[in-house]
């Protein structure tokens, strides 16, 4: 008998926590943008990229190259890697601007 009450109490408590957490996220709006970014990242990975323009600049501001098309980008602190039309491009220590079309 006690375990049934405990299970009901646990289920109600869990639902309440979920509702309150979701409500707070919706009111503050802080998580909606991060959720949208995560969804867009997932879409990009699953479909082979998004329609983007990539501009690569040197540190003095000179445009080195510009690419447009369906591009999925991988980046870390020192490099930007992407593929376009079956070719792989890797830029090290450059300024890379990515614009979603």
PDB file of N, CA and C in Angstrom:
ATOM      1  N   UNK A   1       0.815  -1.191   0.000  1.00  0.00           N
ATOM      2  CA  UNK A   1       0.000   0.000   0.000  1.00  0.00           C
ATOM      3  C   UNK A   1       0.861   1.258   0.000  1.00  0.00           C
ATOM      4  N   UNK A   2       1.905   1.251   0.802  1.00  0.00           N
ATOM      5  CA  UNK A   2       2.786   2.422   0.871  1.00  0.00           C
ATOM      6  C   UNK A   2       3.506   2.658  -0.449  1.00  0.00           C
ATOM      7  N   UNK A   3       3.913   1.599  -1.120  1.00  0.00           N
ATOM      8  CA  UNK A   3       4.647   1.763  -2.368  1.00  0.00           C
ATOM      9  C   UNK A   3       3.774   2.368  -3.462  1.00  0.00           C
ATOM     10  N   UNK A   4       2.482   2.063  -3.457  1.00  0.00           N
ATOM     11  CA  UNK A   4       1.575   2.647  -4.447  1.00  0.00           C
ATOM     12  C   UNK A   4       1.452   4.150  -4.233  1.00  0.00           C
ATOM     13  N   UNK A   5       1.309   4.573  -2.974  1.00  0.00           N
ATOM     14  CA  UNK A   5       1.239   6.009  -2.667  1.00  0.00           C
ATOM     15  C   UNK A   5       2.538   6.703  -3.050  1.00  0.00           C
ATOM     16  N   UNK A   6       3.649   6.046  -2.756  1.00  0.00           N
ATOM     17  CA  UNK A   6       4.950   6.630  -3.078  1.00  0.00           C
ATOM     18  C   UNK A   6       5.114   6.783  -4.589  1.00  0.00           C
ATOM     19  N   UNK A   7       4.704   5.771  -5.349  1.00  0.00           N
ATOM     20  CA  UNK A   7       4.804   5.837  -6.811  1.00  0.00           C
ATOM     21  C   UNK A   7       3.948   6.968  -7.362  1.00  0.00           C
ATOM     22  N   UNK A   8       2.731   7.132  -6.833  1.00  0.00           N
ATOM     23  CA  UNK A   8       1.856   8.226  -7.279  1.00  0.00           C
ATOM     24  C   UNK A   8       2.477   9.574  -6.940  1.00  0.00           C
ATOM     25  N   UNK A   9       2.982   9.685  -5.707  1.00  0.00           N
ATOM     26  CA  UNK A   9       3.605  10.934  -5.274  1.00  0.00           C
ATOM     27  C   UNK A   9       4.817  11.253  -6.148  1.00  0.00           C
ATOM     28  N   UNK A  10       5.621  10.252  -6.450  1.00  0.00           N
ATOM     29  CA  UNK A  10       6.802  10.430  -7.285  1.00  0.00           C
ATOM     30  C   UNK A  10       6.420  10.868  -8.696  1.00  0.00           C
ATOM     31  N   UNK A  11       5.391  10.250  -9.255  1.00  0.00           N
ATOM     32  CA  UNK A  11       4.950  10.605 -10.606  1.00  0.00           C
ATOM     33  C   UNK A  11       4.421  12.030 -10.643  1.00  0.00           C
ATOM     34  N   UNK A  12       3.613  12.404  -9.667  1.00  0.00           N
ATOM     35  CA  UNK A  12       3.060  13.763  -9.610  1.00  0.00           C
ATOM     36  C   UNK A  12       4.186  14.780  -9.418  1.00  0.00           C
ATOM     37  N   UNK A  13       5.131  14.471  -8.550  1.00  0.00           N
ATOM     38  CA  UNK A  13       6.262  15.373  -8.309  1.00  0.00           C
ATOM     39  C   UNK A  13       7.102  15.554  -9.571  1.00  0.00           C
ATOM     40  N   UNK A  14       7.360  14.481 -10.278  1.00  0.00           N
ATOM     41  CA  UNK A  14       8.154  14.554 -11.503  1.00  0.00           C
ATOM     42  C   UNK A  14       7.442  15.394 -12.559  1.00  0.00           C
ATOM     43  N   UNK A  15       6.163  15.193 -12.722  1.00  0.00           N
ATOM     44  CA  UNK A  15       5.392  15.985 -13.688  1.00  0.00           C
ATOM     45  C   UNK A  15       5.409  17.463 -13.297  1.00  0.00           C
ATOM     46  N   UNK A  16       5.269  17.754 -12.018  1.00  0.00           N
ATOM     47  CA  UNK A  16       5.290  19.136 -11.548  1.00  0.00           C
ATOM     48  C   UNK A  16       6.638  19.797 -11.826  1.00  0.00           C
ATOM     49  N   UNK A  17       7.714  19.067 -11.579  1.00  0.00           N
ATOM     50  CA  UNK A  17       9.061  19.613 -11.837  1.00  0.00           C
ATOM     51  C   UNK A  17       9.241  19.894 -13.328  1.00  0.00           C
ATOM     52  N   UNK A  18       8.782  18.996 -14.161  1.00  0.00           N
ATOM     53  CA  UNK A  18       8.907  19.190 -15.609  1.00  0.00           C
ATOM     54  C   UNK A  18       8.106  20.407 -16.057  1.00  0.00           C
ATOM     55  N   UNK A  19       6.891  20.538 -15.568  1.00  0.00           N
ATOM     56  CA  UNK A  19       6.046  21.684 -15.948  1.00  0.00           C
ATOM     57  C   UNK A  19       6.665  22.993 -15.483  1.00  0.00           C
ATOM     58  N   UNK A  20       7.127  23.033 -14.253  1.00  0.00           N
ATOM     59  CA  UNK A  20       7.738  24.261 -13.732  1.00  0.00           C
ATOM     60  C   UNK A  20       9.005  24.607 -14.502  1.00  0.00           C
ATOM     61  N   UNK A  21       9.844  23.631 -14.776  1.00  0.00           N
ATOM     62  CA  UNK A  21      11.084  23.876 -15.519  1.00  0.00           C
ATOM     63  C   UNK A  21      10.776  24.389 -16.916  1.00  0.00           C
ATOM     64  N   UNK A  22       9.859  23.732 -17.612  1.00  0.00           N
ATOM     65  CA  UNK A  22       9.491  24.153 -18.961  1.00  0.00           C
ATOM     66  C   UNK A  22       8.880  25.553 -18.935  1.00  0.00           C
ATOM     67  N   UNK A  23       8.042  25.819 -17.949  1.00  0.00           N
ATOM     68  CA  UNK A  23       7.439  27.151 -17.834  1.00  0.00           C
ATOM     69  C   UNK A  23       8.475  28.236 -17.621  1.00  0.00           C
ATOM     70  N   UNK A  24       9.455  27.969 -16.759  1.00  0.00           N
ATOM     71  CA  UNK A  24      10.520  28.950 -16.526  1.00  0.00           C
ATOM     72  C   UNK A  24      11.339  29.191 -17.785  1.00  0.00           C
ATOM     73  N   UNK A  25      11.621  28.124 -18.518  1.00  0.00           N
ATOM     74  CA  UNK A  25      12.391  28.273 -19.761  1.00  0.00           C
ATOM     75  C   UNK A  25      11.613  29.110 -20.762  1.00  0.00           C
ATOM     76  N   UNK A  26      10.321  28.904 -20.851  1.00  0.00           N
ATOM     77  CA  UNK A  26       9.508  29.649 -21.813  1.00  0.00           C
ATOM     78  C   UNK A  26       9.396  31.118 -21.412  1.00  0.00           C
ATOM     79  N   UNK A  27       9.268  31.391 -20.112  1.00  0.00           N
ATOM     80  CA  UNK A  27       9.125  32.771 -19.664  1.00  0.00           C
ATOM     81  C   UNK A  27      10.415  33.563 -19.829  1.00  0.00           C
ATOM     82  N   UNK A  28      11.543  32.948 -19.537  1.00  0.00           N
ATOM     83  CA  UNK A  28      12.809  33.671 -19.635  1.00  0.00           C
ATOM     84  C   UNK A  28      13.300  33.745 -21.066  1.00  0.00           C
ATOM     85  N   UNK A  29      12.906  32.774 -21.878  1.00  0.00           N
ATOM     86  CA  UNK A  29      13.311  32.780 -23.279  1.00  0.00           C
ATOM     87  C   UNK A  29      14.766  32.412 -23.492  1.00  0.00           C
ATOM     88  N   UNK A  30      15.477  32.068 -22.438  1.00  0.00           N
ATOM     89  CA  UNK A  30      16.904  31.811 -22.582  1.00  0.00           C
ATOM     90  C   UNK A  30      17.186  30.500 -23.298  1.00  0.00           C
ATOM     91  N   UNK A  31      16.325  29.535 -23.170  1.00  0.00           N
ATOM     92  CA  UNK A  31      16.612  28.238 -23.754  1.00  0.00           C
ATOM     93  C   UNK A  31      16.035  28.059 -25.150  1.00  0.00           C
ATOM     94  N   UNK A  32      15.086  28.893 -25.520  1.00  0.00           N
ATOM     95  CA  UNK A  32      14.466  28.731 -26.844  1.00  0.00           C
ATOM     96  C   UNK A  32      15.496  28.915 -27.952  1.00  0.00           C
ATOM     97  N   UNK A  33      16.332  29.912 -27.834  1.00  0.00           N
ATOM     98  CA  UNK A  33      17.341  30.165 -28.870  1.00  0.00           C
ATOM     99  C   UNK A  33      18.357  29.035 -28.921  1.00  0.00           C
ATOM    100  N   UNK A  34      18.746  28.534 -27.768  1.00  0.00           N
ATOM    101  CA  UNK A  34      19.722  27.442 -27.766  1.00  0.00           C
ATOM    102  C   UNK A  34      19.107  26.169 -28.335  1.00  0.00           C
ATOM    103  N   UNK A  35      17.824  25.961 -28.096  1.00  0.00           N
ATOM    104  CA  UNK A  35      17.144  24.803 -28.671  1.00  0.00           C
ATOM    105  C   UNK A  35      17.076  24.944 -30.181  1.00  0.00           C
ATOM    106  N   UNK A  36      16.755  26.153 -30.675  1.00  0.00           N
ATOM    107  CA  UNK A  36      16.715  26.386 -32.117  1.00  0.00           C
ATOM    108  C   UNK A  36      18.085  26.150 -32.752  1.00  0.00           C
ATOM    109  N   UNK A  37      19.158  26.615 -32.088  1.00  0.00           N
ATOM    110  CA  UNK A  37      20.505  26.404 -32.613  1.00  0.00           C
ATOM    111  C   UNK A  37      20.838  24.920 -32.664  1.00  0.00           C
ATOM    112  N   UNK A  38      20.474  24.195 -31.617  1.00  0.00           N
ATOM    113  CA  UNK A  38      20.733  22.753 -31.592  1.00  0.00           C
ATOM    114  C   UNK A  38      19.986  22.041 -32.711  1.00  0.00           C
ATOM    115  N   UNK A  39      18.743  22.436 -32.939  1.00  0.00           N
ATOM    116  CA  UNK A  39      17.953  21.827 -34.018  1.00  0.00           C
ATOM    117  C   UNK A  39      18.576  22.132 -35.376  1.00  0.00           C
ATOM    118  N   UNK A  40      19.041  23.365 -35.555  1.00  0.00           N
ATOM    119  CA  UNK A  40      19.653  23.750 -36.823  1.00  0.00           C
ATOM    120  C   UNK A  40      20.965  22.991 -37.046  1.00  0.00           C
ATOM    121  N   UNK A  41      21.751  22.811 -35.987  1.00  0.00           N
ATOM    122  CA  UNK A  41      22.988  22.043 -36.078  1.00  0.00           C
ATOM    123  C   UNK A  41      22.697  20.599 -36.469  1.00  0.00           C
ATOM    124  N   UNK A  42      21.692  20.021 -35.836  1.00  0.00           N
ATOM    125  CA  UNK A  42      21.310  18.641 -36.144  1.00  0.00           C
ATOM    126  C   UNK A  42      20.841  18.528 -37.592  1.00  0.00           C
ATOM    127  N   UNK A  43      20.047  19.485 -38.043  1.00  0.00           N
ATOM    128  CA  UNK A  43      19.566  19.485 -39.427  1.00  0.00           C
ATOM    129  C   UNK A  43      20.737  19.577 -40.397  1.00  0.00           C
ATOM    130  N   UNK A  44      21.696  20.436 -40.087  1.00  0.00           N
ATOM    131  CA  UNK A  44      22.867  20.596 -40.937  1.00  0.00           C
ATOM    132  C   UNK A  44      23.657  19.300 -41.045  1.00  0.00           C
ATOM    133  N   UNK A  45      23.842  18.625 -39.915  1.00  0.00           N
ATOM    134  CA  UNK A  45      24.608  17.376 -39.918  1.00  0.00           C
ATOM    135  C   UNK A  45      23.872  16.266 -40.660  1.00  0.00           C
ATOM    136  N   UNK A  46      22.564  16.230 -40.549  1.00  0.00           N
ATOM    137  CA  UNK A  46      21.797  15.151 -41.165  1.00  0.00           C
ATOM    138  C   UNK A  46      21.582  15.348 -42.667  1.00  0.00           C
ATOM    139  N   UNK A  47      21.559  16.606 -43.123  1.00  0.00           N
ATOM    140  CA  UNK A  47      21.279  16.870 -44.532  1.00  0.00           C
ATOM    141  C   UNK A  47      22.521  17.248 -45.329  1.00  0.00           C
ATOM    142  N   UNK A  48      23.683  17.207 -44.718  1.00  0.00           N
ATOM    143  CA  UNK A  48      24.908  17.523 -45.441  1.00  0.00           C
ATOM    144  C   UNK A  48      25.222  19.002 -45.503  1.00  0.00           C
ATOM    145  N   UNK A  49      24.585  19.786 -44.655  1.00  0.00           N
ATOM    146  CA  UNK A  49      24.888  21.208 -44.599  1.00  0.00           C
ATOM    147  C   UNK A  49      23.670  22.074 -44.818  1.00  0.00           C
ATOM    148  N   UNK A  50      23.887  23.366 -44.632  1.00  0.00           N
ATOM    149  CA  UNK A  50      22.859  24.371 -44.878  1.00  0.00           C
ATOM    150  C   UNK A  50      23.316  25.260 -46.025  1.00  0.00           C
ATOM    151  N   UNK A  51      22.370  25.965 -46.624  1.00  0.00           N
ATOM    152  CA  UNK A  51      22.713  26.894 -47.698  1.00  0.00           C
ATOM    153  C   UNK A  51      23.425  28.092 -47.076  1.00  0.00           C
ATOM    154  N   UNK A  52      24.736  28.190 -47.338  1.00  0.00           N
ATOM    155  CA  UNK A  52      25.564  29.197 -46.678  1.00  0.00           C
ATOM    156  C   UNK A  52      26.527  29.849 -47.658  1.00  0.00           C
ATOM    157  N   UNK A  53      27.020  30.992 -47.248  1.00  0.00           N
ATOM    158  CA  UNK A  53      28.142  31.642 -47.915  1.00  0.00           C
ATOM    159  C   UNK A  53      29.272  31.719 -46.899  1.00  0.00           C
ATOM    160  N   UNK A  54      30.452  31.274 -47.300  1.00  0.00           N
ATOM    161  CA  UNK A  54      31.627  31.301 -46.425  1.00  0.00           C
ATOM    162  C   UNK A  54      32.649  32.244 -47.047  1.00  0.00           C
ATOM    163  N   UNK A  55      33.030  33.269 -46.301  1.00  0.00           N
ATOM    164  CA  UNK A  55      34.067  34.202 -46.734  1.00  0.00           C
ATOM    165  C   UNK A  55      35.284  34.010 -45.837  1.00  0.00           C
ATOM    166  N   UNK A  56      36.440  33.887 -46.447  1.00  0.00           N
ATOM    167  CA  UNK A  56      37.684  33.675 -45.705  1.00  0.00           C
ATOM    168  C   UNK A  56      38.569  34.904 -45.900  1.00  0.00           C
ATOM    169  N   UNK A  57      39.012  35.481 -44.779  1.00  0.00           N
ATOM    170  CA  UNK A  57      39.825  36.693 -44.795  1.00  0.00           C
ATOM    171  C   UNK A  57      41.168  36.429 -44.138  1.00  0.00           C
ATOM    172  N   UNK A  58      42.192  37.165 -44.578  1.00  0.00           N
ATOM    173  CA  UNK A  58      43.470  37.152 -43.873  1.00  0.00           C
ATOM    174  C   UNK A  58      43.334  38.085 -42.674  1.00  0.00           C
ATOM    175  N   UNK A  59      44.333  38.096 -41.819  1.00  0.00           N
ATOM    176  CA  UNK A  59      44.261  38.945 -40.634  1.00  0.00           C
ATOM    177  C   UNK A  59      44.328  40.433 -40.952  1.00  0.00           C
ATOM    178  N   UNK A  60      44.802  40.792 -42.142  1.00  0.00           N
ATOM    179  CA  UNK A  60      44.798  42.212 -42.502  1.00  0.00           C
ATOM    180  C   UNK A  60      43.500  42.623 -43.201  1.00  0.00           C
ATOM    181  N   UNK A  61      42.515  41.695 -43.302  1.00  0.00           N
ATOM    182  CA  UNK A  61      41.207  42.029 -43.857  1.00  0.00           C
ATOM    183  C   UNK A  61      41.043  41.746 -45.332  1.00  0.00           C
ATOM    184  N   UNK A  62      42.051  41.172 -45.964  1.00  0.00           N
ATOM    185  CA  UNK A  62      41.969  40.850 -47.390  1.00  0.00           C
ATOM    186  C   UNK A  62      41.127  39.592 -47.589  1.00  0.00           C
ATOM    187  N   UNK A  63      40.170  39.671 -48.514  1.00  0.00           N
ATOM    188  CA  UNK A  63      39.348  38.508 -48.821  1.00  0.00           C
ATOM    189  C   UNK A  63      40.195  37.496 -49.570  1.00  0.00           C
ATOM    190  N   UNK A  64      40.340  36.304 -48.994  1.00  0.00           N
ATOM    191  CA  UNK A  64      41.132  35.238 -49.613  1.00  0.00           C
ATOM    192  C   UNK A  64      40.262  34.426 -50.561  1.00  0.00           C
ATOM    193  N   UNK A  65      39.066  34.051 -50.089  1.00  0.00           N
ATOM    194  CA  UNK A  65      38.187  33.211 -50.902  1.00  0.00           C
ATOM    195  C   UNK A  65      36.752  33.360 -50.427  1.00  0.00           C
ATOM    196  N   UNK A  66      35.814  33.038 -51.320  1.00  0.00           N
ATOM    197  CA  UNK A  66      34.400  33.065 -50.989  1.00  0.00           C
ATOM    198  C   UNK A  66      33.737  31.835 -51.598  1.00  0.00           C
ATOM    199  N   UNK A  67      32.879  31.159 -50.827  1.00  0.00           N
ATOM    200  CA  UNK A  67      32.214  29.939 -51.272  1.00  0.00           C
ATOM    201  C   UNK A  67      30.724  30.060 -50.962  1.00  0.00           C
ATOM    202  N   UNK A  68      29.893  29.517 -51.841  1.00  0.00           N
ATOM    203  CA  UNK A  68      28.454  29.490 -51.602  1.00  0.00           C
ATOM    204  C   UNK A  68      27.919  28.122 -51.979  1.00  0.00           C
ATOM    205  N   UNK A  69      26.949  27.648 -51.208  1.00  0.00           N
ATOM    206  CA  UNK A  69      26.324  26.365 -51.494  1.00  0.00           C
ATOM    207  C   UNK A  69      25.894  25.689 -50.217  1.00  0.00           C
ATOM    208  N   UNK A  70      25.599  24.412 -50.318  1.00  0.00           N
ATOM    209  CA  UNK A  70      25.196  23.613 -49.170  1.00  0.00           C
ATOM    210  C   UNK A  70      26.457  23.178 -48.431  1.00  0.00           C
ATOM    211  N   UNK A  71      26.710  23.797 -47.284  1.00  0.00           N
ATOM    212  CA  UNK A  71      27.980  23.632 -46.585  1.00  0.00           C
ATOM    213  C   UNK A  71      27.731  23.231 -45.137  1.00  0.00           C
ATOM    214  N   UNK A  72      28.446  22.203 -44.685  1.00  0.00           N
ATOM    215  CA  UNK A  72      28.471  21.793 -43.283  1.00  0.00           C
ATOM    216  C   UNK A  72      29.861  22.114 -42.761  1.00  0.00           C
ATOM    217  N   UNK A  73      29.938  22.855 -41.672  1.00  0.00           N
ATOM    218  CA  UNK A  73      31.212  23.377 -41.177  1.00  0.00           C
ATOM    219  C   UNK A  73      31.615  22.679 -39.890  1.00  0.00           C
ATOM    220  N   UNK A  74      32.905  22.367 -39.817  1.00  0.00           N
ATOM    221  CA  UNK A  74      33.508  21.830 -38.597  1.00  0.00           C
ATOM    222  C   UNK A  74      34.617  22.789 -38.221  1.00  0.00           C
ATOM    223  N   UNK A  75      34.658  23.191 -36.952  1.00  0.00           N
ATOM    224  CA  UNK A  75      35.679  24.163 -36.560  1.00  0.00           C
ATOM    225  C   UNK A  75      36.180  23.888 -35.158  1.00  0.00           C
ATOM    226  N   UNK A  76      37.405  24.359 -34.913  1.00  0.00           N
ATOM    227  CA  UNK A  76      37.963  24.346 -33.566  1.00  0.00           C
ATOM    228  C   UNK A  76      38.775  25.621 -33.396  1.00  0.00           C
ATOM    229  N   UNK A  77      39.658  25.685 -32.415  1.00  0.00           N
ATOM    230  CA  UNK A  77      40.385  26.924 -32.118  1.00  0.00           C
ATOM    231  C   UNK A  77      41.303  27.385 -33.241  1.00  0.00           C
ATOM    232  N   UNK A  78      41.833  26.457 -34.031  1.00  0.00           N
ATOM    233  CA  UNK A  78      42.843  26.854 -35.019  1.00  0.00           C
ATOM    234  C   UNK A  78      42.449  26.607 -36.462  1.00  0.00           C
ATOM    235  N   UNK A  79      41.366  25.849 -36.722  1.00  0.00           N
ATOM    236  CA  UNK A  79      41.048  25.552 -38.115  1.00  0.00           C
ATOM    237  C   UNK A  79      39.540  25.538 -38.362  1.00  0.00           C
ATOM    238  N   UNK A  80      39.197  25.751 -39.625  1.00  0.00           N
ATOM    239  CA  UNK A  80      37.826  25.620 -40.103  1.00  0.00           C
ATOM    240  C   UNK A  80      37.880  24.656 -41.275  1.00  0.00           C
ATOM    241  N   UNK A  81      37.018  23.636 -41.238  1.00  0.00           N
ATOM    242  CA  UNK A  81      36.995  22.611 -42.267  1.00  0.00           C
ATOM    243  C   UNK A  81      35.569  22.528 -42.815  1.00  0.00           C
ATOM    244  N   UNK A  82      35.436  22.462 -44.137  1.00  0.00           N
ATOM    245  CA  UNK A  82      34.130  22.236 -44.737  1.00  0.00           C
ATOM    246  C   UNK A  82      34.309  21.598 -46.098  1.00  0.00           C
ATOM    247  N   UNK A  83      33.231  20.993 -46.580  1.00  0.00           N
ATOM    248  CA  UNK A  83      33.227  20.372 -47.896  1.00  0.00           C
ATOM    249  C   UNK A  83      32.172  21.047 -48.751  1.00  0.00           C
ATOM    250  N   UNK A  84      32.515  21.223 -50.024  1.00  0.00           N
ATOM    251  CA  UNK A  84      31.594  21.827 -50.980  1.00  0.00           C
ATOM    252  C   UNK A  84      31.850  21.194 -52.334  1.00  0.00           C
ATOM    253  N   UNK A  85      30.822  20.678 -52.945  1.00  0.00           N
ATOM    254  CA  UNK A  85      30.909  20.041 -54.267  1.00  0.00           C
ATOM    255  C   UNK A  85      31.976  18.950 -54.322  1.00  0.00           C
ATOM    256  N   UNK A  86      32.076  18.173 -53.260  1.00  0.00           N
ATOM    257  CA  UNK A  86      33.016  17.052 -53.230  1.00  0.00           C
ATOM    258  C   UNK A  86      34.447  17.425 -52.915  1.00  0.00           C
ATOM    259  N   UNK A  87      34.715  18.701 -52.676  1.00  0.00           N
ATOM    260  CA  UNK A  87      36.072  19.137 -52.321  1.00  0.00           C
ATOM    261  C   UNK A  87      36.093  19.546 -50.856  1.00  0.00           C
ATOM    262  N   UNK A  88      37.189  19.202 -50.192  1.00  0.00           N
ATOM    263  CA  UNK A  88      37.362  19.564 -48.788  1.00  0.00           C
ATOM    264  C   UNK A  88      38.267  20.783 -48.695  1.00  0.00           C
ATOM    265  N   UNK A  89      37.845  21.743 -47.883  1.00  0.00           N
ATOM    266  CA  UNK A  89      38.608  22.965 -47.663  1.00  0.00           C
ATOM    267  C   UNK A  89      38.948  23.054 -46.178  1.00  0.00           C
ATOM    268  N   UNK A  90      40.210  23.347 -45.892  1.00  0.00           N
ATOM    269  CA  UNK A  90      40.669  23.519 -44.518  1.00  0.00           C
ATOM    270  C   UNK A  90      41.455  24.822 -44.463  1.00  0.00           C
ATOM    271  N   UNK A  91      41.040  25.692 -43.558  1.00  0.00           N
ATOM    272  CA  UNK A  91      41.753  26.961 -43.362  1.00  0.00           C
ATOM    273  C   UNK A  91      42.265  27.016 -41.933  1.00  0.00           C
ATOM    274  N   UNK A  92      43.555  27.309 -41.802  1.00  0.00           N
ATOM    275  CA  UNK A  92      44.189  27.451 -40.496  1.00  0.00           C
ATOM    276  C   UNK A  92      44.480  28.921 -40.257  1.00  0.00           C
ATOM    277  N   UNK A  93      44.225  29.373 -39.045  1.00  0.00           N
ATOM    278  CA  UNK A  93      44.578  30.728 -38.623  1.00  0.00           C
ATOM    279  C   UNK A  93      44.090  31.789 -39.597  1.00  0.00           C
ATOM    280  N   UNK A  94      42.845  31.711 -39.967  1.00  0.00           N
ATOM    281  CA  UNK A  94      42.234  32.714 -40.838  1.00  0.00           C
ATOM    282  C   UNK A  94      40.923  33.160 -40.198  1.00  0.00           C
ATOM    283  N   UNK A  95      40.430  34.289 -40.644  1.00  0.00           N
ATOM    284  CA  UNK A  95      39.139  34.770 -40.187  1.00  0.00           C
ATOM    285  C   UNK A  95      38.095  34.241 -41.162  1.00  0.00           C
ATOM    286  N   UNK A  96      37.144  33.497 -40.641  1.00  0.00           N
ATOM    287  CA  UNK A  96      36.129  32.865 -41.489  1.00  0.00           C
ATOM    288  C   UNK A  96      34.762  33.411 -41.088  1.00  0.00           C
ATOM    289  N   UNK A  97      34.085  33.982 -42.075  1.00  0.00           N
ATOM    290  CA  UNK A  97      32.743  34.520 -41.876  1.00  0.00           C
ATOM    291  C   UNK A  97      31.758  33.547 -42.531  1.00  0.00           C
ATOM    292  N   UNK A  98      30.769  33.116 -41.789  1.00  0.00           N
ATOM    293  CA  UNK A  98      29.768  32.189 -42.315  1.00  0.00           C
ATOM    294  C   UNK A  98      28.414  32.892 -42.280  1.00  0.00           C
ATOM    295  N   UNK A  99      27.781  32.974 -43.430  1.00  0.00           N
ATOM    296  CA  UNK A  99      26.490  33.633 -43.557  1.00  0.00           C
ATOM    297  C   UNK A  99      25.483  32.619 -44.053  1.00  0.00           C
ATOM    298  N   UNK A 100      24.416  32.442 -43.303  1.00  0.00           N
ATOM    299  CA  UNK A 100      23.362  31.537 -43.747  1.00  0.00           C
ATOM    300  C   UNK A 100      22.463  32.271 -44.735  1.00  0.00           C
ATOM    301  N   UNK A 101      22.296  31.687 -45.902  1.00  0.00           N
ATOM    302  CA  UNK A 101      21.465  32.316 -46.937  1.00  0.00           C
ATOM    303  C   UNK A 101      20.000  32.062 -46.702  1.00  0.00           C
TER     304      UNK A 101
END
